[in-house]
Amino acid sequence: MAKHTEKQTKTNAMRILDREKIKYEVRTYEYDEADLSGTSAAAKLGTDPGRLFKTLVLRGEKRGIVVCIIPVNREINLKAFAARIKDKRTEMIHVKEFLGLTDYIRGGCSPIGMKKQYPTFIEASCLNYETIGVSGGQRGVQIMLAPKDLIKAAKAEIAENIVI
């Protein structure tokens, strides 16, 4: 299995944070196509996996496309999330739809700077940390920033009890 690193360039997410004058740190790591999991990223960065957050893109029955940001070591409770967004049910979008809806690829999807501003929700445990990490918009790139700054940049709402 080949390992890859990508040359560090400013991503759309970073340009938005710069424009908003939001302080962040970029951390890079070698990623492996065979394991794009957030827990793998946390291990490579030597970071608590509860502090790194993954970006999920879902489709609500009524609400349409919604974004959910949860710790990489947790799974979303689809029923609880649907209730939180006042929908009957939600489901993950198909990987084939990912790029077209977000302008990001699987394993490199940032909650900041998607093609369109979708309703966005972040799991409440983010507030337990001074800084958290999310994808910087490329595989192998994490942005570390204060949760309140991520909430502002992603226009996210706090969501409680949505993970298993």
Protein backbone atom coordinates (compact mmCIF):
# COMPACT_ATOMS: atom_id res chain seq x y z
CA MET A 1 0.00 0.00 0.00
CA ALA A 2 1.47 3.29 -1.10
CA LYS A 3 1.59 6.19 1.30
CA HIS A 4 1.00 9.69 0.01
CA THR A 5 1.68 13.21 1.09
CA GLU A 6 0.49 16.26 -0.75
CA LYS A 7 2.44 19.49 -1.13
CA GLN A 8 1.16 22.04 1.35
CA THR A 9 -0.87 24.68 -0.45
CA LYS A 10 -3.63 26.95 0.81
CA THR A 11 -6.96 25.21 0.58
CA ASN A 12 -10.32 26.90 0.24
CA ALA A 13 -10.92 26.25 3.96
CA MET A 14 -7.65 28.01 4.87
CA ARG A 15 -8.41 30.97 2.62
CA ILE A 16 -11.79 31.40 4.32
CA LEU A 17 -10.19 31.26 7.78
CA ASP A 18 -7.58 33.81 6.67
CA ARG A 19 -10.29 36.10 5.30
CA GLU A 20 -12.25 35.80 8.57
CA LYS A 21 -9.03 36.47 10.53
CA ILE A 22 -9.47 33.18 12.42
CA LYS A 23 -6.33 31.74 14.00
CA TYR A 24 -5.51 28.12 13.07
CA GLU A 25 -2.61 25.70 12.82
CA VAL A 26 -2.05 23.34 9.89
CA ARG A 27 -0.84 19.84 10.73
CA THR A 28 0.07 17.38 8.00
CA TYR A 29 0.61 13.63 8.02
CA GLU A 30 1.23 10.83 5.56
CA TYR A 31 -2.03 9.16 4.63
CA ASP A 32 -2.69 5.74 3.21
CA GLU A 33 -5.40 5.23 0.54
CA ALA A 34 -6.30 1.95 2.25
CA ASP A 35 -7.04 3.67 5.58
CA LEU A 36 -8.45 7.19 5.38
CA SER A 37 -10.01 6.93 8.83
CA GLY A 38 -9.84 9.74 11.31
CA THR A 39 -8.53 7.40 13.99
CA SER A 40 -5.57 6.65 11.72
CA ALA A 41 -4.99 10.39 11.28
CA ALA A 42 -5.16 10.91 15.06
CA ALA A 43 -2.58 8.17 15.63
CA LYS A 44 -0.23 9.63 13.01
CA LEU A 45 -0.58 13.10 14.55
CA GLY A 46 -0.22 11.78 18.11
CA THR A 47 -3.55 13.39 19.01
CA ASP A 48 -6.49 12.24 21.13
CA PRO A 49 -9.06 10.91 18.60
CA GLY A 50 -11.82 12.65 20.57
CA ARG A 51 -10.17 15.94 19.62
CA LEU A 52 -10.22 15.29 15.85
CA PHE A 53 -13.56 15.65 14.11
CA LYS A 54 -14.79 14.13 10.87
CA THR A 55 -17.20 15.77 8.47
CA LEU A 56 -20.21 13.69 7.46
CA VAL A 57 -22.59 14.64 4.68
CA LEU A 58 -26.11 13.31 5.02
CA ARG A 59 -29.48 13.62 3.35
CA GLY A 60 -32.54 14.29 5.43
CA GLU A 61 -35.89 13.12 4.14
CA LYS A 62 -37.32 16.66 4.39
CA ARG A 63 -34.28 18.91 4.95
CA GLY A 64 -32.14 17.63 2.12
CA ILE A 65 -28.35 17.84 2.44
CA VAL A 66 -26.99 18.48 5.93
CA VAL A 67 -23.49 18.35 7.40
CA CYS A 68 -22.56 16.79 10.73
CA ILE A 69 -19.19 17.15 12.45
CA ILE A 70 -18.43 14.44 15.03
CA PRO A 71 -15.36 13.00 16.78
CA VAL A 72 -13.43 10.56 14.59
CA ASN A 73 -13.71 7.83 17.21
CA ARG A 74 -17.51 7.95 17.34
CA GLU A 75 -20.35 7.01 14.99
CA ILE A 76 -23.42 9.06 14.21
CA ASN A 77 -26.76 7.92 15.60
CA LEU A 78 -28.87 8.51 12.47
CA LYS A 79 -32.18 8.35 14.33
CA ALA A 80 -31.06 10.82 17.01
CA PHE A 81 -29.58 13.14 14.39
CA ALA A 82 -32.80 13.07 12.37
CA ALA A 83 -34.73 14.01 15.52
CA ARG A 84 -32.24 16.85 16.22
CA ILE A 85 -32.77 18.36 12.76
CA LYS A 86 -36.54 17.76 12.98
CA ASP A 87 -36.62 15.24 10.15
CA LYS A 88 -38.11 11.76 9.92
CA ARG A 89 -34.87 10.09 8.91
CA THR A 90 -31.38 10.77 7.60
CA GLU A 91 -28.88 8.72 5.64
CA MET A 92 -25.29 9.15 4.56
CA ILE A 93 -24.91 10.33 0.97
CA HIS A 94 -23.37 7.94 -1.52
CA VAL A 95 -19.63 8.40 -2.04
CA LYS A 96 -20.29 9.11 -5.75
CA GLU A 97 -22.19 12.27 -4.76
CA PHE A 98 -19.50 13.60 -2.45
CA LEU A 99 -17.36 15.68 -4.80
CA GLY A 100 -20.34 17.16 -6.66
CA LEU A 101 -22.07 18.28 -3.46
CA THR A 102 -19.05 19.48 -1.47
CA ASP A 103 -16.14 20.18 -3.86
CA TYR A 104 -14.09 17.92 -1.57
CA ILE A 105 -13.04 14.28 -1.87
CA ARG A 106 -13.69 11.51 0.66
CA GLY A 107 -10.98 11.66 3.31
CA GLY A 108 -10.35 15.35 2.69
CA CYS A 109 -13.70 17.00 3.33
CA SER A 110 -13.56 20.14 5.42
CA PRO A 111 -16.71 21.54 7.02
CA ILE A 112 -15.43 24.96 5.93
CA GLY A 113 -15.72 26.12 2.32
CA MET A 114 -18.03 23.58 0.76
CA LYS A 115 -19.54 24.28 -2.64
CA LYS A 116 -22.72 25.44 -0.88
CA GLN A 117 -23.51 26.40 2.73
CA TYR A 118 -25.50 23.45 4.01
CA PRO A 119 -27.12 23.35 7.45
CA THR A 120 -24.22 22.25 9.68
CA PHE A 121 -24.22 20.68 13.14
CA ILE A 122 -21.28 19.88 15.43
CA GLU A 123 -21.30 17.39 18.26
CA ALA A 124 -21.25 19.14 21.65
CA SER A 125 -18.08 17.42 22.93
CA CYS A 126 -16.07 19.86 20.78
CA LEU A 127 -16.53 22.36 23.60
CA ASN A 128 -14.47 20.14 25.93
CA TYR A 129 -11.25 21.13 24.14
CA GLU A 130 -9.28 24.32 23.73
CA THR A 131 -8.57 23.35 20.11
CA ILE A 132 -9.95 20.66 17.84
CA GLY A 133 -8.96 19.42 14.41
CA VAL A 134 -10.92 19.06 11.20
CA SER A 135 -9.88 18.28 7.67
CA GLY A 136 -8.09 21.14 5.99
CA GLY A 137 -9.65 20.27 2.64
CA GLN A 138 -7.05 17.78 1.44
CA ARG A 139 -6.13 14.28 2.48
CA GLY A 140 -3.31 14.39 5.02
CA VAL A 141 -4.08 17.95 6.17
CA GLN A 142 -5.74 18.87 9.46
CA ILE A 143 -6.63 22.35 10.68
CA MET A 144 -6.44 22.85 14.44
CA LEU A 145 -8.56 25.71 15.78
CA ALA A 146 -10.75 26.77 18.67
CA PRO A 147 -14.21 25.14 18.60
CA LYS A 148 -15.94 28.54 18.74
CA ASP A 149 -13.97 29.61 15.66
CA LEU A 150 -14.95 26.45 13.78
CA ILE A 151 -18.59 27.02 14.75
CA LYS A 152 -18.34 30.56 13.37
CA ALA A 153 -16.54 29.60 10.15
CA ALA A 154 -18.77 26.60 9.39
CA LYS A 155 -21.93 28.41 10.58
CA ALA A 156 -22.60 25.35 12.73
CA GLU A 157 -25.07 24.66 15.50
CA ILE A 158 -24.24 22.54 18.56
CA ALA A 159 -25.93 19.14 18.61
CA GLU A 160 -26.07 16.94 21.70
CA ASN A 161 -26.66 13.19 21.98
CA ILE A 162 -26.17 12.42 18.27
CA VAL A 163 -23.28 9.94 18.53
CA ILE A 164 -22.95 6.35 19.63
